Amino acid sequence: MARNSQVFALKVSARWLPRALTGMIRRSAEKLMGFPEFNSTYAGMAACTAAEFPQKFLEVMEVGVKVDGMGEEAIPATGPLIVVANHPFGSIEGIALDAMLLRRRGDVTMMCIYVFGAIPELHERYTFVDPARRRRKRKLNPQGWRQAFQWIARGGALGVFPAGRVARFQWRGMRVAEQPWSAHIQLAGMVHPRLTDVLFVREITNKRGRTLRATIGAVIGPERLVGFESDEEATEFLWRETEKLGKEKLKD
């Protein structure tokens, strides 16, 4: 069966504007957001299962992943697991992390912003939330967290990006820095009123032909986290441990 060639699309309407003008605005906005390139790439993919999709998508995009640190063998093949990662680009790293985890085990879900549910293969496997907490999506977050907790309780693996929004360049420090990590660990806001977050789909397609570098750290047991007095302290600890991985790689 042919794939949907319009996974992502905008609806633009204004009674006071001619239809031709609203159409031109819609097409321009979709191009800015990278919708046509993503839709074209998706429509041209060969048929695959939901579990095969992340790796197949990376291959079509010619995106490679170089793994450093402990190596993929450090990822537990069974048992409840939460994998936290930084969030530098927008969404391609989520697909890459998903593909990496699926090479080790089949019981993987990613916590993801709801708009990616438009992709059938992700809708089937991912757990969705709305980091902006829009009123019309107010039931989504409790449902997403409930599903995530149940998934882990059944012994599954959950991938999350606590930073919330995409990392941004900081002129003062001349570096790319993430937003503060949330104590409610979630893959957040690729769609956000700020322009840098609205371009989430473009941040997938503009990584075509790139090689991502992933550094895997040692497993942190739950006994280390329950000793903190608050969720915020535990989250701060996880953030520091993740930052160390990047700094250690820079020293190599």
C-alpha atoms as a PDB file:
ATOM      1  CA  MET A   1       0.000   0.000   0.000  1.00  0.00           C
ATOM      2  CA  ALA A   2       1.291   3.465  -0.905  1.00  0.00           C
ATOM      3  CA  ARG A   3       2.475   5.665   1.934  1.00  0.00           C
ATOM      4  CA  ASN A   4       0.709   8.885   2.845  1.00  0.00           C
ATOM      5  CA  SER A   5       2.468  11.732   1.044  1.00  0.00           C
ATOM      6  CA  GLN A   6       0.977  14.384   3.364  1.00  0.00           C
ATOM      7  CA  VAL A   7       2.021  13.328   6.854  1.00  0.00           C
ATOM      8  CA  PHE A   8       2.627  16.927   7.902  1.00  0.00           C
ATOM      9  CA  ALA A   9       0.475  19.761   6.561  1.00  0.00           C
ATOM     10  CA  LEU A  10      -0.792  23.160   7.671  1.00  0.00           C
ATOM     11  CA  LYS A  11      -4.300  24.531   7.567  1.00  0.00           C
ATOM     12  CA  VAL A  12      -4.391  28.260   6.888  1.00  0.00           C
ATOM     13  CA  SER A  13      -7.719  30.076   6.730  1.00  0.00           C
ATOM     14  CA  ALA A  14      -8.786  33.697   6.957  1.00  0.00           C
ATOM     15  CA  ARG A  15     -12.123  34.974   5.741  1.00  0.00           C
ATOM     16  CA  TRP A  16     -10.712  38.362   4.821  1.00  0.00           C
ATOM     17  CA  LEU A  17      -7.975  36.935   2.581  1.00  0.00           C
ATOM     18  CA  PRO A  18      -8.422  35.508  -0.934  1.00  0.00           C
ATOM     19  CA  ARG A  19      -8.110  31.728  -1.140  1.00  0.00           C
ATOM     20  CA  ALA A  20      -5.158  32.022  -3.517  1.00  0.00           C
ATOM     21  CA  LEU A  21      -3.271  34.153  -0.996  1.00  0.00           C
ATOM     22  CA  THR A  22      -3.946  31.793   1.930  1.00  0.00           C
ATOM     23  CA  GLY A  23      -2.762  28.934  -0.262  1.00  0.00           C
ATOM     24  CA  MET A  24       0.463  30.764  -1.018  1.00  0.00           C
ATOM     25  CA  ILE A  25       0.961  31.502   2.706  1.00  0.00           C
ATOM     26  CA  ARG A  26       0.357  27.847   3.563  1.00  0.00           C
ATOM     27  CA  ARG A  27       2.814  26.560   0.969  1.00  0.00           C
ATOM     28  CA  SER A  28       5.479  29.044   2.049  1.00  0.00           C
ATOM     29  CA  ALA A  29       5.044  28.163   5.721  1.00  0.00           C
ATOM     30  CA  GLU A  30       5.147  24.441   4.986  1.00  0.00           C
ATOM     31  CA  LYS A  31       8.359  24.884   3.009  1.00  0.00           C
ATOM     32  CA  LEU A  32       9.896  26.892   5.849  1.00  0.00           C
ATOM     33  CA  MET A  33       9.020  24.137   8.302  1.00  0.00           C
ATOM     34  CA  GLY A  34      10.439  21.413   6.084  1.00  0.00           C
ATOM     35  CA  PHE A  35       7.127  19.627   5.542  1.00  0.00           C
ATOM     36  CA  PRO A  36       7.484  18.934   1.778  1.00  0.00           C
ATOM     37  CA  GLU A  37      10.950  17.387   2.130  1.00  0.00           C
ATOM     38  CA  PHE A  38       9.894  15.186   5.027  1.00  0.00           C
ATOM     39  CA  ASN A  39       6.688  14.106   3.283  1.00  0.00           C
ATOM     40  CA  SER A  40       8.601  13.279   0.110  1.00  0.00           C
ATOM     41  CA  THR A  41      11.203  11.280   2.024  1.00  0.00           C
ATOM     42  CA  TYR A  42       8.544   9.386   3.958  1.00  0.00           C
ATOM     43  CA  ALA A  43       6.427   8.637   0.892  1.00  0.00           C
ATOM     44  CA  GLY A  44       9.468   7.204  -0.902  1.00  0.00           C
ATOM     45  CA  MET A  45      10.407   4.769   1.848  1.00  0.00           C
ATOM     46  CA  ALA A  46       9.960   1.051   1.308  1.00  0.00           C
ATOM     47  CA  ALA A  47       7.401  -0.781   3.407  1.00  0.00           C
ATOM     48  CA  CYS A  48       8.635  -1.708   6.874  1.00  0.00           C
ATOM     49  CA  THR A  49       7.313  -2.591  10.304  1.00  0.00           C
ATOM     50  CA  ALA A  50       6.920  -0.005  13.051  1.00  0.00           C
ATOM     51  CA  ALA A  51       9.978  -1.417  14.812  1.00  0.00           C
ATOM     52  CA  GLU A  52      12.051  -1.243  11.625  1.00  0.00           C
ATOM     53  CA  PHE A  53      11.056   2.330  10.824  1.00  0.00           C
ATOM     54  CA  PRO A  54      13.651   4.267  12.904  1.00  0.00           C
ATOM     55  CA  GLN A  55      16.648   2.494  11.356  1.00  0.00           C
ATOM     56  CA  LYS A  56      15.152   2.521   7.866  1.00  0.00           C
ATOM     57  CA  PHE A  57      14.460   6.237   8.139  1.00  0.00           C
ATOM     58  CA  LEU A  58      18.051   6.944   9.197  1.00  0.00           C
ATOM     59  CA  GLU A  59      19.288   4.917   6.235  1.00  0.00           C
ATOM     60  CA  VAL A  60      17.080   6.785   3.767  1.00  0.00           C
ATOM     61  CA  MET A  61      18.296  10.068   5.250  1.00  0.00           C
ATOM     62  CA  GLU A  62      21.881   8.773   5.095  1.00  0.00           C
ATOM     63  CA  VAL A  63      22.297   9.668   8.764  1.00  0.00           C
ATOM     64  CA  GLY A  64      24.937   7.658  10.574  1.00  0.00           C
ATOM     65  CA  VAL A  65      25.464   7.223  14.303  1.00  0.00           C
ATOM     66  CA  LYS A  66      28.922   6.799  15.804  1.00  0.00           C
ATOM     67  CA  VAL A  67      28.716   5.267  19.272  1.00  0.00           C
ATOM     68  CA  ASP A  68      31.330   6.029  21.929  1.00  0.00           C
ATOM     69  CA  GLY A  69      31.635   5.426  25.642  1.00  0.00           C
ATOM     70  CA  MET A  70      30.384   2.150  27.079  1.00  0.00           C
ATOM     71  CA  GLY A  71      29.019   0.959  23.713  1.00  0.00           C
ATOM     72  CA  GLU A  72      25.594  -0.432  22.875  1.00  0.00           C
ATOM     73  CA  GLU A  73      26.353  -3.622  24.792  1.00  0.00           C
ATOM     74  CA  ALA A  74      26.003  -1.559  27.994  1.00  0.00           C
ATOM     75  CA  ILE A  75      22.274  -1.138  27.297  1.00  0.00           C
ATOM     76  CA  PRO A  76      20.410  -3.784  29.353  1.00  0.00           C
ATOM     77  CA  ALA A  77      18.690  -6.225  27.021  1.00  0.00           C
ATOM     78  CA  THR A  78      15.899  -6.972  29.479  1.00  0.00           C
ATOM     79  CA  GLY A  79      14.191  -5.426  32.477  1.00  0.00           C
ATOM     80  CA  PRO A  80      12.733  -1.975  33.226  1.00  0.00           C
ATOM     81  CA  LEU A  81      14.901   0.800  31.812  1.00  0.00           C
ATOM     82  CA  ILE A  82      14.699   4.593  31.445  1.00  0.00           C
ATOM     83  CA  VAL A  83      17.190   6.124  29.029  1.00  0.00           C
ATOM     84  CA  VAL A  84      17.746   9.880  29.384  1.00  0.00           C
ATOM     85  CA  ALA A  85      19.568  11.891  26.742  1.00  0.00           C
ATOM     86  CA  ASN A  86      20.344  15.478  25.818  1.00  0.00           C
ATOM     87  CA  HIS A  87      18.323  17.186  23.110  1.00  0.00           C
ATOM     88  CA  PRO A  88      20.598  19.235  20.811  1.00  0.00           C
ATOM     89  CA  PHE A  89      18.842  19.159  17.454  1.00  0.00           C
ATOM     90  CA  GLY A  90      15.101  18.732  17.395  1.00  0.00           C
ATOM     91  CA  SER A  91      14.010  15.177  16.727  1.00  0.00           C
ATOM     92  CA  ILE A  92      16.533  13.263  14.631  1.00  0.00           C
ATOM     93  CA  GLU A  93      18.317  12.281  17.852  1.00  0.00           C
ATOM     94  CA  GLY A  94      15.069  10.774  19.125  1.00  0.00           C
ATOM     95  CA  ILE A  95      14.830   8.557  16.060  1.00  0.00           C
ATOM     96  CA  ALA A  96      18.516   7.657  16.414  1.00  0.00           C
ATOM     97  CA  LEU A  97      18.116   6.750  20.093  1.00  0.00           C
ATOM     98  CA  ASP A  98      15.042   4.696  19.265  1.00  0.00           C
ATOM     99  CA  ALA A  99      16.944   2.765  16.577  1.00  0.00           C
ATOM    100  CA  MET A 100      19.835   2.169  18.965  1.00  0.00           C
ATOM    101  CA  LEU A 101      17.603   0.802  21.724  1.00  0.00           C
ATOM    102  CA  LEU A 102      15.707  -1.404  19.275  1.00  0.00           C
ATOM    103  CA  ARG A 103      18.958  -3.086  18.284  1.00  0.00           C
ATOM    104  CA  ARG A 104      19.241  -4.314  21.864  1.00  0.00           C
ATOM    105  CA  ARG A 105      15.606  -5.070  22.697  1.00  0.00           C
ATOM    106  CA  GLY A 106      12.148  -4.997  21.198  1.00  0.00           C
ATOM    107  CA  ASP A 107      10.149  -3.524  24.099  1.00  0.00           C
ATOM    108  CA  VAL A 108      11.000   0.141  23.460  1.00  0.00           C
ATOM    109  CA  THR A 109       8.844   3.260  23.506  1.00  0.00           C
ATOM    110  CA  MET A 110       9.837   6.911  23.277  1.00  0.00           C
ATOM    111  CA  MET A 111       8.073   9.748  25.089  1.00  0.00           C
ATOM    112  CA  CYS A 112       7.381  12.250  22.339  1.00  0.00           C
ATOM    113  CA  ILE A 113       5.395  15.391  21.574  1.00  0.00           C
ATOM    114  CA  TYR A 114       1.979  14.492  20.203  1.00  0.00           C
ATOM    115  CA  VAL A 115       2.444  15.960  16.706  1.00  0.00           C
ATOM    116  CA  PHE A 116       4.706  13.048  15.779  1.00  0.00           C
ATOM    117  CA  GLY A 117       1.702  10.784  16.147  1.00  0.00           C
ATOM    118  CA  ALA A 118       0.958  11.842  12.561  1.00  0.00           C
ATOM    119  CA  ILE A 119       3.653   9.350  11.484  1.00  0.00           C
ATOM    120  CA  PRO A 120       1.849   5.972  11.520  1.00  0.00           C
ATOM    121  CA  GLU A 121       4.881   3.921  12.553  1.00  0.00           C
ATOM    122  CA  LEU A 122       5.544   6.211  15.523  1.00  0.00           C
ATOM    123  CA  HIS A 123       1.880   6.477  16.478  1.00  0.00           C
ATOM    124  CA  GLU A 124       1.889   2.717  16.896  1.00  0.00           C
ATOM    125  CA  ARG A 125       4.858   2.618  19.285  1.00  0.00           C
ATOM    126  CA  TYR A 126       5.431   5.983  20.984  1.00  0.00           C
ATOM    127  CA  THR A 127       3.983   7.542  24.127  1.00  0.00           C
ATOM    128  CA  PHE A 128       2.750  11.083  23.505  1.00  0.00           C
ATOM    129  CA  VAL A 129       2.588  14.224  25.638  1.00  0.00           C
ATOM    130  CA  ASP A 130       2.040  17.949  25.104  1.00  0.00           C
ATOM    131  CA  PRO A 131       4.828  19.916  26.821  1.00  0.00           C
ATOM    132  CA  ALA A 132       3.037  23.212  26.188  1.00  0.00           C
ATOM    133  CA  ARG A 133       0.041  21.912  28.149  1.00  0.00           C
ATOM    134  CA  ARG A 134      -2.499  23.288  25.695  1.00  0.00           C
ATOM    135  CA  ARG A 135      -6.042  23.243  27.030  1.00  0.00           C
ATOM    136  CA  ARG A 136      -7.342  21.176  24.126  1.00  0.00           C
ATOM    137  CA  LYS A 137      -4.699  18.542  24.909  1.00  0.00           C
ATOM    138  CA  ARG A 138      -5.117  18.635  28.702  1.00  0.00           C
ATOM    139  CA  LYS A 139      -5.907  14.910  28.912  1.00  0.00           C
ATOM    140  CA  LEU A 140      -2.843  13.905  26.927  1.00  0.00           C
ATOM    141  CA  ASN A 141      -0.149  14.374  29.585  1.00  0.00           C
ATOM    142  CA  PRO A 142      -1.784  12.313  32.388  1.00  0.00           C
ATOM    143  CA  GLN A 143      -2.548   9.618  29.832  1.00  0.00           C
ATOM    144  CA  GLY A 144       1.020   9.692  28.493  1.00  0.00           C
ATOM    145  CA  TRP A 145       2.585   9.468  31.938  1.00  0.00           C
ATOM    146  CA  ARG A 146       0.230   6.672  32.945  1.00  0.00           C
ATOM    147  CA  GLN A 147       1.187   4.714  29.843  1.00  0.00           C
ATOM    148  CA  ALA A 148       4.889   5.344  30.519  1.00  0.00           C
ATOM    149  CA  PHE A 149       4.670   4.137  34.120  1.00  0.00           C
ATOM    150  CA  GLN A 150       2.740   1.042  33.063  1.00  0.00           C
ATOM    151  CA  TRP A 151       5.294   0.349  30.337  1.00  0.00           C
ATOM    152  CA  ILE A 152       8.186   0.482  32.779  1.00  0.00           C
ATOM    153  CA  ALA A 153       6.265  -1.575  35.347  1.00  0.00           C
ATOM    154  CA  ARG A 154       5.921  -4.303  32.728  1.00  0.00           C
ATOM    155  CA  GLY A 155       9.690  -4.329  32.290  1.00  0.00           C
ATOM    156  CA  GLY A 156       9.929  -2.207  29.141  1.00  0.00           C
ATOM    157  CA  ALA A 157      12.439   0.447  28.045  1.00  0.00           C
ATOM    158  CA  LEU A 158      11.497   4.132  27.842  1.00  0.00           C
ATOM    159  CA  GLY A 159      13.548   6.780  26.031  1.00  0.00           C
ATOM    160  CA  VAL A 160      13.144  10.386  27.208  1.00  0.00           C
ATOM    161  CA  PHE A 161      14.676  13.825  26.635  1.00  0.00           C
ATOM    162  CA  PRO A 162      14.322  15.815  29.876  1.00  0.00           C
ATOM    163  CA  ALA A 163      15.563  19.115  28.414  1.00  0.00           C
ATOM    164  CA  GLY A 164      12.128  19.878  27.074  1.00  0.00           C
ATOM    165  CA  ARG A 165      12.870  22.179  24.157  1.00  0.00           C
ATOM    166  CA  VAL A 166      15.590  22.049  21.549  1.00  0.00           C
ATOM    167  CA  ALA A 167      19.021  23.316  22.587  1.00  0.00           C
ATOM    168  CA  ARG A 168      19.812  26.882  21.550  1.00  0.00           C
ATOM    169  CA  PHE A 169      22.967  28.778  20.775  1.00  0.00           C
ATOM    170  CA  GLN A 170      23.980  31.111  23.613  1.00  0.00           C
ATOM    171  CA  TRP A 171      25.880  34.126  22.341  1.00  0.00           C
ATOM    172  CA  ARG A 172      27.271  35.066  25.750  1.00  0.00           C
ATOM    173  CA  GLY A 173      28.905  31.686  26.241  1.00  0.00           C
ATOM    174  CA  MET A 174      29.471  31.053  22.517  1.00  0.00           C
ATOM    175  CA  ARG A 175      28.096  27.548  22.843  1.00  0.00           C
ATOM    176  CA  VAL A 176      25.030  25.432  22.269  1.00  0.00           C
ATOM    177  CA  ALA A 177      23.160  24.974  25.539  1.00  0.00           C
ATOM    178  CA  GLU A 178      20.064  23.032  26.436  1.00  0.00           C
ATOM    179  CA  GLN A 179      17.036  24.327  28.248  1.00  0.00           C
ATOM    180  CA  PRO A 180      16.771  23.340  31.935  1.00  0.00           C
ATOM    181  CA  TRP A 181      15.847  19.712  32.436  1.00  0.00           C
ATOM    182  CA  SER A 182      12.366  19.021  33.724  1.00  0.00           C
ATOM    183  CA  ALA A 183      11.843  16.961  36.863  1.00  0.00           C
ATOM    184  CA  HIS A 184       8.954  15.461  34.894  1.00  0.00           C
ATOM    185  CA  ILE A 185      11.234  13.757  32.425  1.00  0.00           C
ATOM    186  CA  GLN A 186       9.711  14.075  28.938  1.00  0.00           C
ATOM    187  CA  LEU A 187      10.639  14.523  25.317  1.00  0.00           C
ATOM    188  CA  ALA A 188       9.278  17.983  24.921  1.00  0.00           C
ATOM    189  CA  GLY A 189       8.498  20.812  22.727  1.00  0.00           C
ATOM    190  CA  MET A 190       9.614  20.591  19.187  1.00  0.00           C
ATOM    191  CA  VAL A 191       6.454  22.606  18.487  1.00  0.00           C
ATOM    192  CA  HIS A 192       6.493  25.873  20.427  1.00  0.00           C
ATOM    193  CA  PRO A 193       5.570  29.484  19.790  1.00  0.00           C
ATOM    194  CA  ARG A 194       9.244  30.316  19.418  1.00  0.00           C
ATOM    195  CA  LEU A 195      10.412  29.891  15.846  1.00  0.00           C
ATOM    196  CA  THR A 196      13.344  27.641  16.733  1.00  0.00           C
ATOM    197  CA  ASP A 197      10.929  25.109  18.183  1.00  0.00           C
ATOM    198  CA  VAL A 198       8.338  25.408  15.402  1.00  0.00           C
ATOM    199  CA  LEU A 199      10.852  24.148  12.853  1.00  0.00           C
ATOM    200  CA  PHE A 200      10.970  20.657  14.351  1.00  0.00           C
ATOM    201  CA  VAL A 201      10.399  18.797  11.077  1.00  0.00           C
ATOM    202  CA  ARG A 202      13.024  20.880   9.294  1.00  0.00           C
ATOM    203  CA  GLU A 203      15.467  19.838  12.018  1.00  0.00           C
ATOM    204  CA  ILE A 204      14.998  16.244  10.851  1.00  0.00           C
ATOM    205  CA  THR A 205      15.457  16.787   7.152  1.00  0.00           C
ATOM    206  CA  ASN A 206      18.363  19.213   7.389  1.00  0.00           C
ATOM    207  CA  LYS A 207      20.456  16.526   9.063  1.00  0.00           C
ATOM    208  CA  ARG A 208      20.523  14.504   5.840  1.00  0.00           C
ATOM    209  CA  GLY A 209      23.951  12.983   5.257  1.00  0.00           C
ATOM    210  CA  ARG A 210      25.204  13.844   8.748  1.00  0.00           C
ATOM    211  CA  THR A 211      26.871  11.570  11.300  1.00  0.00           C
ATOM    212  CA  LEU A 212      25.617  11.867  14.882  1.00  0.00           C
ATOM    213  CA  ARG A 213      27.862  10.995  17.817  1.00  0.00           C
ATOM    214  CA  ALA A 214      26.323   9.222  20.789  1.00  0.00           C
ATOM    215  CA  THR A 215      28.173   8.533  24.036  1.00  0.00           C
ATOM    216  CA  ILE A 216      26.684   5.839  26.245  1.00  0.00           C
ATOM    217  CA  GLY A 217      27.315   5.931  29.984  1.00  0.00           C
ATOM    218  CA  ALA A 218      27.102   3.264  32.645  1.00  0.00           C
ATOM    219  CA  VAL A 219      23.737   2.178  34.031  1.00  0.00           C
ATOM    220  CA  ILE A 220      22.625   4.175  37.076  1.00  0.00           C
ATOM    221  CA  GLY A 221      20.707   1.977  39.503  1.00  0.00           C
ATOM    222  CA  PRO A 222      17.496   3.168  41.171  1.00  0.00           C
ATOM    223  CA  GLU A 223      19.176   2.975  44.561  1.00  0.00           C
ATOM    224  CA  ARG A 224      21.265   6.029  43.646  1.00  0.00           C
ATOM    225  CA  LEU A 225      18.225   8.096  42.704  1.00  0.00           C
ATOM    226  CA  VAL A 226      15.975   7.320  45.668  1.00  0.00           C
ATOM    227  CA  GLY A 227      18.577   8.821  47.982  1.00  0.00           C
ATOM    228  CA  PHE A 228      17.895  12.374  46.742  1.00  0.00           C
ATOM    229  CA  GLU A 229      15.530  14.553  48.730  1.00  0.00           C
ATOM    230  CA  SER A 230      13.567  15.737  45.690  1.00  0.00           C
ATOM    231  CA  ASP A 231      12.883  14.904  42.059  1.00  0.00           C
ATOM    232  CA  GLU A 232      14.623  18.141  41.105  1.00  0.00           C
ATOM    233  CA  GLU A 233      17.843  17.034  42.810  1.00  0.00           C
ATOM    234  CA  ALA A 234      17.699  13.649  41.108  1.00  0.00           C
ATOM    235  CA  THR A 235      17.113  15.332  37.744  1.00  0.00           C
ATOM    236  CA  GLU A 236      20.043  17.675  38.351  1.00  0.00           C
ATOM    237  CA  PHE A 237      22.227  14.648  39.072  1.00  0.00           C
ATOM    238  CA  LEU A 238      21.165  12.964  35.818  1.00  0.00           C
ATOM    239  CA  TRP A 239      21.866  16.169  33.908  1.00  0.00           C
ATOM    240  CA  ARG A 240      25.388  16.406  35.356  1.00  0.00           C
ATOM    241  CA  GLU A 241      26.096  12.771  34.519  1.00  0.00           C
ATOM    242  CA  THR A 242      24.933  13.313  30.944  1.00  0.00           C
ATOM    243  CA  GLU A 243      27.023  16.455  30.589  1.00  0.00           C
ATOM    244  CA  LYS A 244      30.089  14.548  31.809  1.00  0.00           C
ATOM    245  CA  LEU A 245      29.762  12.132  28.896  1.00  0.00           C
ATOM    246  CA  GLY A 246      30.098  14.953  26.391  1.00  0.00           C
ATOM    247  CA  LYS A 247      33.014  16.548  28.203  1.00  0.00           C
ATOM    248  CA  GLU A 248      34.855  13.245  28.479  1.00  0.00           C
ATOM    249  CA  LYS A 249      34.460  12.734  24.745  1.00  0.00           C
ATOM    250  CA  LEU A 250      35.923  16.172  24.024  1.00  0.00           C
ATOM    251  CA  LYS A 251      39.042  15.221  25.979  1.00  0.00           C
ATOM    252  CA  ASP A 252      39.670  12.165  23.769  1.00  0.00           C
END
